[in-house]
Amino acid sequence: MSINFKILKKSKVSSARVGFIETEHGVIETPCLVPVATQGVIKTLTAEEVLQTNSQILISNTFHLHERPGEKVLEKNGGLHKFMNWKKPLMTDSGGFQVFSLGFGKDQKVGKVLKNNNEKIKQAEKPKEIKITNDGVFFKSLINGSELFLGPKESIKIQEKIGADIIFAFDECTSPVANYEYTKRSLLKTHQWAEVCLKTKKTKQALYGIVQGGKYKDLRQESAKFISNLNFDGFGIGGEFGDDKSKMAEMLSWVVSELPEKKPRHLLGIGYLDDMKKIIKAGVDTFDCTVPTHYARRGVAFTSLGRLDLNKAIFLKKNEPLDKGCVCNVCLNYKKSYICHLMRSREITGMRLLTFHNLHFFNNFVEKIRNDIKNGKI
């Protein structure tokens, strides 16, 4: 079995839709947040605890799992599901994001959405620490500095051994400071690699192709048309979203309008709370994001009244739950004062409690959006 995707309801007021993706490891209700388990773990939580946050599917990182413990170890352990004791569906990204994050992202100190940076990557420019060729990318190992090559064939073979339900084609995630010429040249590579990925895959895993093209409408649409004409099981929307996040919904609409309606769409690496309605209204079915877990480890709780920084001493005086309307195990059993004490004492349990709450809060937030679509509100 690959996957079975079905749309149950389409919105009459936006491009939002409610549906499900059926996999060998269970059914995912969409739209859905996909928490990031980079190394095969949601940092600080066990698999059983992640289940209690109502998480339906996780995404792990091909590049990092290849580095450690290595796909051979995972294969000998019966694949990543058994290795990490996760009984629900899994995705793996292809390693394409590391082409950006360990390349121009590191050089230019930029993320996927640009903040106050006027530099431009030109057509002939090359990143300092990685080498991008027509066949793939030469990296330096993050563990020992040795040379490591990843291309479309290698990425697929690694992902097959990891054994996730949904895998992604290898691509180059471009930088928000890449100019038109660089982005176009990169896009041709991503399209060639997509075809190689399809030819290489031998398993029943679902393979998603990735649409790139940066902030350029014609390139985004060209990519969406090209990728949607290939025999992929679903589609990832990758890359950067320019220098103005407010344009993201418009940029998504360029892509979604060119993709077939009957296949699932995944947005890679975007998912702040204030993004979610825009993403879903644009027609995205699943999206992965590190926000709930990343911020939790830095002491930030997301609540119905906004973000709370539990590192601040003022919360030592608050003998109340993180969110009075939340019914997660943390809000039912622990108070702000205690979690604040743990964070200020640098106790790991503080991070753990905040991670649990944030994931539960984010999943509940998306569930409410699903219900609003069902009820014709979105």
Foldseek 3Di string as FASTA:
>chain_A
DAKAWDWDFAFPVFRFTWTWIQFPLGIDTWPAEAEEPAQLHLPPDALVLLVLLVHAEHEYELVVVCLPPRLVVQLVQVASCSVRVHRHAYEYEQCQVCLCCVFVCVVQVADQAGDPDDAADEQPDTGDAKDQDLFFIWHQRPVPRHIDTGGQLNSQVSCVSNPGQEYEGHAHADHLRYDQNNLLVRLVSLLVSLVVNVVNHDDSRFYAYEQHRHCDLVSSLVRLQSRQVDPGQAYEYGHHHHHDVVCVLVSLLSNVVNHDLRHAYEYEADDDLVCVVSCSSSNHIYYYYNVQLVVLLQQWAQEPVGIDRLCDQVQLPWQAFPYPVDDRPRRVPHGSNVLSVCVPVVHSVSSSSSSSRSSSVRRVSRVVVSVCSVVNND
